[in-house]
Amino acid sequence: MTIVSGWIEIRATGPRASKDLATTLLIASGSPGVQEETVDTAAGTLVSHSLWEEETREDDEDTSPVRALKGYLPERDNAALATVKSGLEQIGWALETSFLKDTDWSEEWKKGLKPIKVRHRGFSLTVKPTWHKIKRSPGEIVINIDPGMAFGTGGHATTKMCLKSILTLVKGGKLPKGPSILDVGTGTGVLAIAAMKLGFKKAVGTDIDKVAVKVARKNADLNKTKLTLSAKDLSGIPGKYDLVAANILAGELKKLSAALYNKIKPGGFLILSGILETEKDSIESAFSSIGLEKAFLLTEKEWVAFAFRKQKA
């Protein structure tokens, strides 16, 4: 159990249309999670759930206004707070801050985290927090995740589309037998673990956040999967891979475009996520210009994910 003292609670309010952008800004600035408050108009009550991994449903048509988003930054991180304030103001959001002490994040972020399913042509992957029990269906692949302080239990649209992309490539016969994957920005390790459970022979996960690497290692053990994990950047990762996946912010994807390209085997695939709809065209242009061919595009809410293919030698 981890108790962290000295946090600033940020309560941000703004329009629902830019909720995902505000959430991304808070997490990218260092918040270990984001919670959303909405008003149940029928009951007249306040409802709060976690957006650290947003619960998603196939029939999710929620149009209620956002009352507030809550994020948390270390007490002395004035630079991050200034960045958040500026970024939120640019998208029409206001914020209030208050001091928060003695928060048990290991329990706090269990609230609202639920199992999610990803389906493709009769095949399904279920990603669930370790404390949830489910009834497994025949042929269903179940991944247990203990999120710790890392991002990625599968429920957020960006992670969910990565999982569906991997499932699509595997079940569509687009990858060789016993393929390899490089998961860039591995977080909890969920993509690499899913790949191993889908028949990959080698999975490497890299994340510059050393806490994420520790969490991913624990989750690999929970799922009895063998991963190679590293806190090195791409230049320190050897070899080329049948599939490279990167679920990080669009700006970082552009910066890493050449390095990502060099990690793909001829004929291999690159999955990119963490991209807002407004960033779609610039990402497609950046990666097409280095010689990659778009294989398919997935969309969910304000987010998009690409699958590109590298030409064979």
Protein backbone atom coordinates (compact mmCIF):
# COMPACT_ATOMS: atom_id res chain seq x y z
CA MET A 1 0.00 0.00 0.00
CA THR A 2 1.42 3.36 -1.06
CA ILE A 3 0.55 6.54 0.84
CA VAL A 4 1.62 9.77 -0.80
CA SER A 5 1.58 13.05 1.12
CA GLY A 6 1.48 16.56 -0.29
CA TRP A 7 -0.73 16.74 -3.37
CA ILE A 8 -2.58 19.59 -5.03
CA GLU A 9 -6.11 18.67 -6.11
CA ILE A 10 -7.16 20.36 -9.35
CA ARG A 11 -10.87 20.73 -9.99
CA ALA A 12 -11.38 21.76 -13.62
CA THR A 13 -14.70 22.67 -15.23
CA GLY A 14 -15.51 23.04 -18.90
CA PRO A 15 -17.49 21.80 -21.92
CA ARG A 16 -17.98 18.08 -22.54
CA ALA A 17 -16.76 18.44 -26.14
CA SER A 18 -13.19 18.94 -24.92
CA LYS A 19 -13.33 16.56 -21.93
CA ASP A 20 -10.85 14.06 -23.41
CA LEU A 21 -8.42 16.83 -24.29
CA ALA A 22 -8.59 18.18 -20.72
CA THR A 23 -8.12 14.67 -19.32
CA THR A 24 -5.09 14.06 -21.53
CA LEU A 25 -3.58 17.37 -20.47
CA LEU A 26 -3.94 16.51 -16.76
CA ILE A 27 -2.42 13.04 -17.15
CA ALA A 28 0.40 14.25 -19.40
CA SER A 29 1.29 16.85 -16.76
CA GLY A 30 1.75 14.16 -14.11
CA SER A 31 -1.63 13.48 -12.52
CA PRO A 32 -1.78 9.79 -11.50
CA GLY A 33 -5.42 9.76 -12.56
CA VAL A 34 -8.45 11.86 -13.40
CA GLN A 35 -11.96 11.60 -11.98
CA GLU A 36 -15.10 12.92 -13.63
CA GLU A 37 -18.08 14.32 -11.75
CA THR A 38 -21.43 14.51 -13.52
CA VAL A 39 -24.93 15.25 -12.33
CA ASP A 40 -27.56 12.52 -12.47
CA THR A 41 -30.42 14.77 -13.59
CA ALA A 42 -33.09 12.19 -12.74
CA ALA A 43 -31.88 11.67 -9.18
CA GLY A 44 -30.38 15.11 -8.65
CA THR A 45 -27.19 13.58 -7.25
CA LEU A 46 -23.49 13.93 -7.94
CA VAL A 47 -21.80 10.93 -9.56
CA SER A 48 -18.03 10.42 -9.67
CA HIS A 49 -16.02 7.85 -11.60
CA SER A 50 -12.41 7.36 -12.63
CA LEU A 51 -11.06 8.43 -16.01
CA TRP A 52 -7.65 6.99 -15.23
CA GLU A 53 -9.09 4.28 -17.38
CA GLU A 54 -12.43 5.48 -18.64
CA GLU A 55 -15.13 2.82 -18.50
CA THR A 56 -16.38 2.34 -22.04
CA ARG A 57 -19.48 0.54 -23.25
CA GLU A 58 -20.63 -0.41 -26.74
CA ASP A 59 -23.82 1.62 -26.18
CA ASP A 60 -22.21 4.59 -24.43
CA GLU A 61 -24.23 7.61 -25.57
CA ASP A 62 -23.76 9.78 -22.48
CA THR A 63 -24.42 13.41 -23.37
CA SER A 64 -24.67 14.83 -19.84
CA PRO A 65 -22.59 17.93 -19.17
CA VAL A 66 -19.31 17.54 -17.34
CA ARG A 67 -19.58 19.09 -13.89
CA ALA A 68 -15.87 18.79 -13.11
CA LEU A 69 -12.68 16.85 -13.72
CA LYS A 70 -10.38 16.21 -10.76
CA GLY A 71 -6.66 15.66 -11.15
CA TYR A 72 -3.72 15.65 -8.75
CA LEU A 73 -0.20 17.04 -8.92
CA PRO A 74 2.66 16.88 -6.39
CA GLU A 75 2.53 19.84 -4.03
CA ARG A 76 5.84 21.40 -5.11
CA ASP A 77 5.48 20.92 -8.87
CA ASN A 78 4.73 24.56 -9.69
CA ALA A 79 5.85 24.19 -13.31
CA ALA A 80 3.35 21.38 -13.98
CA LEU A 81 0.58 23.36 -12.32
CA ALA A 82 1.35 26.41 -14.48
CA THR A 83 1.33 24.21 -17.62
CA VAL A 84 -2.03 22.70 -16.68
CA LYS A 85 -3.55 26.11 -15.95
CA SER A 86 -2.37 27.55 -19.26
CA GLY A 87 -3.45 24.49 -21.26
CA LEU A 88 -6.92 24.35 -19.70
CA GLU A 89 -7.51 28.05 -20.24
CA GLN A 90 -6.64 27.65 -23.94
CA ILE A 91 -9.46 25.13 -24.40
CA GLY A 92 -12.00 27.12 -22.39
CA TRP A 93 -11.69 25.37 -19.03
CA ALA A 94 -11.41 26.95 -15.58
CA LEU A 95 -9.74 25.43 -12.53
CA GLU A 96 -9.67 25.62 -8.75
CA THR A 97 -6.96 24.13 -6.53
CA SER A 98 -6.86 22.83 -2.98
CA PHE A 99 -4.34 21.00 -0.81
CA LEU A 100 -4.72 17.25 -0.29
CA LYS A 101 -2.84 15.10 2.24
CA ASP A 102 -2.26 11.40 2.86
CA THR A 103 -3.88 9.88 -0.22
CA ASP A 104 -3.80 6.11 -0.69
CA TRP A 105 -3.65 5.90 -4.47
CA SER A 106 -3.60 2.09 -4.43
CA GLU A 107 -7.22 2.21 -3.21
CA GLU A 108 -8.34 5.55 -4.68
CA TRP A 109 -8.02 4.50 -8.33
CA LYS A 110 -9.85 1.20 -7.88
CA LYS A 111 -13.05 3.25 -7.91
CA GLY A 112 -14.74 3.05 -11.28
CA LEU A 113 -12.30 0.56 -12.89
CA LYS A 114 -14.27 -2.27 -14.46
CA PRO A 115 -13.59 -5.13 -16.91
CA ILE A 116 -13.79 -4.28 -20.60
CA LYS A 117 -14.16 -6.47 -23.69
CA VAL A 118 -12.61 -6.01 -27.12
CA ARG A 119 -14.24 -8.03 -29.90
CA HIS A 120 -13.37 -8.83 -33.51
CA ARG A 121 -15.23 -11.34 -35.69
CA GLY A 122 -16.27 -13.60 -32.86
CA PHE A 123 -13.00 -13.38 -30.93
CA SER A 124 -12.78 -11.47 -27.67
CA LEU A 125 -10.23 -10.14 -25.22
CA THR A 126 -11.25 -9.14 -21.72
CA VAL A 127 -9.01 -6.91 -19.64
CA LYS A 128 -9.95 -6.70 -15.98
CA PRO A 129 -8.53 -5.32 -12.75
CA THR A 130 -7.31 -8.11 -10.49
CA TRP A 131 -9.98 -7.45 -7.86
CA HIS A 132 -12.88 -8.12 -10.27
CA LYS A 133 -14.29 -11.62 -10.79
CA ILE A 134 -15.86 -12.59 -14.11
CA LYS A 135 -17.29 -15.70 -15.72
CA ARG A 136 -15.03 -16.68 -18.61
CA SER A 137 -16.71 -17.59 -21.91
CA PRO A 138 -15.34 -20.42 -24.08
CA GLY A 139 -12.32 -19.21 -26.05
CA GLU A 140 -12.25 -15.85 -24.28
CA ILE A 141 -8.78 -14.47 -23.48
CA VAL A 142 -8.66 -12.81 -20.06
CA ILE A 143 -5.89 -10.44 -18.97
CA ASN A 144 -5.55 -9.49 -15.31
CA ILE A 145 -4.11 -6.05 -14.67
CA ASP A 146 -3.06 -4.38 -11.44
CA PRO A 147 -2.67 -0.78 -12.61
CA GLY A 148 -0.47 0.44 -9.75
CA MET A 149 0.62 3.96 -10.75
CA ALA A 150 0.84 3.27 -14.49
CA PHE A 151 -1.60 4.08 -17.29
CA GLY A 152 -3.33 1.33 -19.24
CA THR A 153 -5.96 -1.12 -18.01
CA GLY A 154 -7.57 -1.27 -21.43
CA GLY A 155 -10.70 0.82 -20.93
CA HIS A 156 -9.62 4.14 -22.38
CA ALA A 157 -10.41 4.51 -26.07
CA THR A 158 -6.72 4.80 -27.03
CA THR A 159 -5.75 1.51 -25.36
CA LYS A 160 -8.91 -0.23 -26.45
CA MET A 161 -8.24 0.58 -30.12
CA CYS A 162 -4.67 -0.74 -29.80
CA LEU A 163 -6.02 -4.02 -28.45
CA LYS A 164 -8.59 -4.23 -31.25
CA SER A 165 -5.88 -3.49 -33.83
CA ILE A 166 -3.68 -6.30 -32.52
CA LEU A 167 -6.66 -8.67 -32.50
CA THR A 168 -7.54 -7.63 -36.06
CA LEU A 169 -4.02 -8.27 -37.37
CA VAL A 170 -3.67 -11.63 -35.60
CA LYS A 171 -7.08 -13.05 -36.45
CA GLY A 172 -6.91 -11.62 -39.98
CA GLY A 173 -3.75 -13.59 -40.69
CA LYS A 174 -1.71 -10.46 -41.40
CA LEU A 175 1.25 -11.46 -39.21
CA PRO A 176 3.67 -14.38 -39.57
CA LYS A 177 3.49 -17.38 -37.28
CA GLY A 178 4.98 -16.63 -33.85
CA PRO A 179 5.44 -12.89 -34.41
CA SER A 180 7.27 -10.34 -32.27
CA ILE A 181 6.01 -7.05 -30.82
CA LEU A 182 7.65 -3.90 -29.48
CA ASP A 183 5.30 -1.95 -27.18
CA VAL A 184 6.52 1.65 -26.92
CA GLY A 185 5.21 3.44 -23.84
CA THR A 186 4.11 0.13 -22.36
CA GLY A 187 2.44 1.53 -19.21
CA THR A 188 0.92 -1.45 -17.41
CA GLY A 189 2.18 -3.81 -20.13
CA VAL A 190 -1.35 -4.64 -21.28
CA LEU A 191 -0.59 -4.60 -25.03
CA ALA A 192 2.50 -6.78 -24.75
CA ILE A 193 0.67 -9.21 -22.45
CA ALA A 194 -2.30 -9.38 -24.83
CA ALA A 195 0.07 -10.11 -27.72
CA MET A 196 1.68 -13.01 -25.86
CA LYS A 197 -1.73 -14.47 -25.04
CA LEU A 198 -2.60 -14.20 -28.74
CA GLY A 199 0.36 -16.36 -29.75
CA PHE A 200 3.30 -13.95 -30.12
CA LYS A 201 6.66 -15.54 -29.36
CA LYS A 202 8.46 -12.38 -28.29
CA ALA A 203 7.22 -9.20 -26.59
CA VAL A 204 9.38 -6.24 -25.61
CA GLY A 205 7.97 -3.31 -23.67
CA THR A 206 9.73 -0.01 -23.13
CA ASP A 207 8.73 3.00 -21.06
CA ILE A 208 10.84 5.93 -19.87
CA ASP A 209 8.80 5.84 -16.63
CA LYS A 210 10.60 3.36 -14.36
CA VAL A 211 7.46 2.99 -12.22
CA ALA A 212 5.56 1.80 -15.30
CA VAL A 213 8.26 -0.80 -16.02
CA LYS A 214 7.90 -2.20 -12.50
CA VAL A 215 4.11 -2.33 -12.84
CA ALA A 216 4.37 -4.03 -16.25
CA ARG A 217 6.76 -6.64 -14.82
CA LYS A 218 4.30 -7.41 -12.01
CA ASN A 219 1.43 -7.74 -14.49
CA ALA A 220 3.46 -10.04 -16.73
CA ASP A 221 3.98 -12.31 -13.72
CA LEU A 222 0.26 -12.15 -12.85
CA ASN A 223 -0.60 -13.36 -16.36
CA LYS A 224 2.23 -15.93 -16.54
CA THR A 225 3.65 -14.23 -19.63
CA LYS A 226 7.29 -13.57 -20.40
CA LEU A 227 8.09 -9.99 -21.39
CA THR A 228 11.38 -8.19 -21.91
CA LEU A 229 10.98 -4.79 -20.24
CA SER A 230 13.21 -1.74 -20.36
CA ALA A 231 13.29 1.93 -19.31
CA LYS A 232 15.58 2.75 -22.25
CA ASP A 233 14.51 4.95 -25.13
CA LEU A 234 14.12 3.45 -28.62
CA SER A 235 17.78 3.91 -29.51
CA GLY A 236 18.68 1.45 -26.75
CA ILE A 237 16.27 -1.29 -27.88
CA PRO A 238 17.90 -3.82 -30.24
CA GLY A 239 16.32 -5.64 -33.17
CA LYS A 240 13.35 -5.23 -35.49
CA TYR A 241 9.79 -6.46 -34.91
CA ASP A 242 6.82 -7.80 -36.85
CA LEU A 243 4.60 -5.34 -34.96
CA VAL A 244 5.42 -2.08 -33.22
CA ALA A 245 2.74 -0.38 -31.10
CA ALA A 246 2.96 3.12 -29.67
CA ASN A 247 0.13 4.57 -27.58
CA ILE A 248 1.50 7.99 -26.69
CA LEU A 249 0.68 11.62 -27.47
CA ALA A 250 0.63 12.70 -31.12
CA GLY A 251 3.47 15.19 -30.73
CA GLU A 252 5.77 12.49 -29.39
CA LEU A 253 4.71 10.11 -32.17
CA LYS A 254 5.89 12.63 -34.76
CA LYS A 255 9.22 13.12 -32.98
CA LEU A 256 9.73 9.34 -32.88
CA SER A 257 8.56 8.63 -36.45
CA ALA A 258 11.98 7.72 -37.87
CA ALA A 259 12.95 5.67 -34.81
CA LEU A 260 9.65 3.78 -34.92
CA TYR A 261 10.05 3.11 -38.65
CA ASN A 262 13.50 1.63 -38.07
CA LYS A 263 12.12 -0.88 -35.55
CA ILE A 264 9.64 -2.45 -38.00
CA LYS A 265 10.61 -5.49 -40.04
CA PRO A 266 9.96 -5.30 -43.80
CA GLY A 267 6.31 -6.23 -44.28
CA GLY A 268 5.59 -5.52 -40.61
CA PHE A 269 3.02 -3.24 -39.02
CA LEU A 270 2.96 -0.12 -36.85
CA ILE A 271 0.00 0.69 -34.58
CA LEU A 272 -0.29 4.31 -33.46
CA SER A 273 -2.76 5.60 -30.86
CA GLY A 274 -3.14 8.52 -28.47
CA ILE A 275 -4.25 10.68 -31.42
CA LEU A 276 -7.15 13.11 -31.32
CA GLU A 277 -9.45 13.42 -34.35
CA THR A 278 -8.07 16.92 -34.98
CA GLU A 279 -4.54 15.44 -35.23
CA LYS A 280 -5.44 12.63 -37.64
CA ASP A 281 -4.39 14.25 -40.90
CA SER A 282 -1.03 15.49 -39.66
CA ILE A 283 -0.14 12.05 -38.24
CA GLU A 284 -1.17 10.28 -41.44
CA SER A 285 0.91 12.72 -43.48
CA ALA A 286 3.96 12.40 -41.22
CA PHE A 287 4.05 8.60 -41.32
CA SER A 288 3.05 8.23 -44.98
CA SER A 289 5.91 10.56 -45.93
CA ILE A 290 8.50 8.16 -44.47
CA GLY A 291 7.28 5.25 -46.60
CA LEU A 292 4.52 3.61 -44.56
CA GLU A 293 1.20 2.58 -46.09
CA LYS A 294 -2.03 2.98 -44.12
CA ALA A 295 -3.59 -0.44 -43.50
CA PHE A 296 -6.67 0.68 -41.55
CA LEU A 297 -8.01 3.35 -39.21
CA LEU A 298 -10.11 2.94 -36.05
CA THR A 299 -12.12 5.67 -34.36
CA GLU A 300 -13.80 5.96 -30.97
CA LYS A 301 -15.24 9.18 -29.62
CA GLU A 302 -12.63 11.93 -30.16
CA TRP A 303 -9.78 9.45 -30.65
CA VAL A 304 -8.29 7.66 -33.66
CA ALA A 305 -5.76 4.86 -34.07
CA PHE A 306 -3.79 3.96 -37.19
CA ALA A 307 -2.31 0.72 -38.45
CA PHE A 308 0.46 1.29 -41.01
CA ARG A 309 2.42 -1.32 -42.97
CA LYS A 310 6.06 -1.17 -43.98
CA GLN A 311 6.79 -2.32 -47.52
CA LYS A 312 8.63 -5.60 -47.97
CA ALA A 313 12.25 -5.37 -49.04
